[in-house]
Amino acid sequence: MRTVNVYEAKTHLSQILAEVEAGQDVIVARNGVPVARITAVAPKVLREPGDLRKLPGWENFVYDPAIFAPLTDEQMKEEGWD
């Protein structure tokens, strides 16, 4: 991790940003005392419908709407809900 003083950071900001984009963190110091850290921002991950199906174990998943259907009174009693 590289440390630069404020004056150097102002003078060479484009070069410092290029280093940060390359994956290196840079510490900005005032009179040799660390004040801030410049670090890269994680890229936004765009998700598409159906992305979960690409994960292992989801290839054969089938949605069954009956899972969320209300229970009948008899089913409620069988489950212990009086």
Protein backbone atom coordinates (compact mmCIF):
# COMPACT_ATOMS: atom_id res chain seq x y z
CA MET A 1 0.00 0.00 0.00
CA ARG A 2 1.49 3.28 -1.13
CA THR A 3 1.38 6.45 1.00
CA VAL A 4 1.34 9.91 -0.57
CA ASN A 5 1.12 13.37 0.95
CA VAL A 6 -1.72 15.74 0.07
CA TYR A 7 0.42 17.87 -2.26
CA GLU A 8 1.55 14.82 -4.24
CA ALA A 9 -2.02 13.49 -4.35
CA LYS A 10 -3.29 16.79 -5.81
CA THR A 11 -0.45 16.98 -8.31
CA HIS A 12 -0.60 13.35 -9.51
CA LEU A 13 -4.28 12.51 -9.01
CA SER A 14 -4.71 10.90 -12.45
CA GLN A 15 -1.72 8.61 -11.88
CA ILE A 16 -2.97 7.68 -8.40
CA LEU A 17 -6.43 6.88 -9.77
CA ALA A 18 -4.87 4.64 -12.42
CA GLU A 19 -3.03 2.74 -9.66
CA VAL A 20 -6.25 2.40 -7.68
CA GLU A 21 -8.08 1.08 -10.76
CA ALA A 22 -5.29 -1.49 -11.11
CA GLY A 23 -6.10 -2.77 -7.62
CA GLN A 24 -3.64 -0.94 -5.36
CA ASP A 25 -4.87 1.04 -2.34
CA VAL A 26 -3.31 4.44 -1.71
CA ILE A 27 -3.09 6.20 1.66
CA VAL A 28 -3.26 9.99 1.65
CA ALA A 29 -1.35 11.61 4.51
CA ARG A 30 -1.12 15.16 5.83
CA ASN A 31 2.37 15.91 7.17
CA GLY A 32 3.08 12.17 7.26
CA VAL A 33 -0.04 11.34 9.29
CA PRO A 34 -2.49 9.06 7.41
CA VAL A 35 -5.82 10.79 6.81
CA ALA A 36 -7.65 8.81 4.12
CA ARG A 37 -7.44 5.70 2.00
CA ILE A 38 -8.29 5.66 -1.70
CA THR A 39 -9.61 2.27 -2.77
CA ALA A 40 -11.39 1.01 -5.88
CA VAL A 41 -15.17 0.78 -5.94
CA ALA A 42 -16.52 -2.69 -6.65
CA PRO A 43 -18.24 -2.85 -10.03
CA LYS A 44 -22.01 -3.10 -9.98
CA VAL A 45 -23.19 -6.63 -10.65
CA LEU A 46 -26.06 -6.74 -13.09
CA ARG A 47 -28.42 -9.64 -12.53
CA GLU A 48 -30.69 -11.12 -15.12
CA PRO A 49 -33.86 -13.11 -14.52
CA GLY A 50 -32.95 -16.78 -14.29
CA ASP A 51 -29.38 -16.25 -13.05
CA LEU A 52 -30.01 -18.60 -10.10
CA ARG A 53 -30.66 -21.46 -12.50
CA LYS A 54 -26.99 -21.28 -13.53
CA LEU A 55 -25.88 -22.23 -10.01
CA PRO A 56 -25.23 -25.89 -9.17
CA GLY A 57 -28.33 -27.69 -7.95
CA TRP A 58 -30.82 -25.29 -9.56
CA GLU A 59 -30.83 -26.79 -13.06
CA ASN A 60 -33.96 -28.90 -12.49
CA PHE A 61 -35.84 -26.57 -10.14
CA VAL A 62 -39.55 -26.36 -10.89
CA TYR A 63 -41.78 -23.79 -9.18
CA ASP A 64 -44.88 -25.36 -7.64
CA PRO A 65 -47.50 -22.74 -6.71
CA ALA A 66 -49.28 -25.33 -4.52
CA ILE A 67 -46.52 -24.83 -1.94
CA PHE A 68 -47.96 -21.41 -1.12
CA ALA A 69 -51.62 -22.42 -1.29
CA PRO A 70 -53.62 -22.02 1.95
CA LEU A 71 -54.10 -25.16 4.06
CA THR A 72 -57.51 -26.68 4.59
CA ASP A 73 -58.96 -26.99 8.09
CA GLU A 74 -58.10 -30.71 8.15
CA GLN A 75 -54.50 -30.01 7.11
CA MET A 76 -54.25 -27.36 9.82
CA LYS A 77 -55.38 -29.90 12.44
CA GLU A 78 -52.89 -32.48 11.13
CA GLU A 79 -50.11 -29.95 11.54
CA GLY A 80 -51.20 -29.22 15.12
CA TRP A 81 -52.90 -25.86 14.54
CA ASP A 82 -56.25 -26.12 16.29
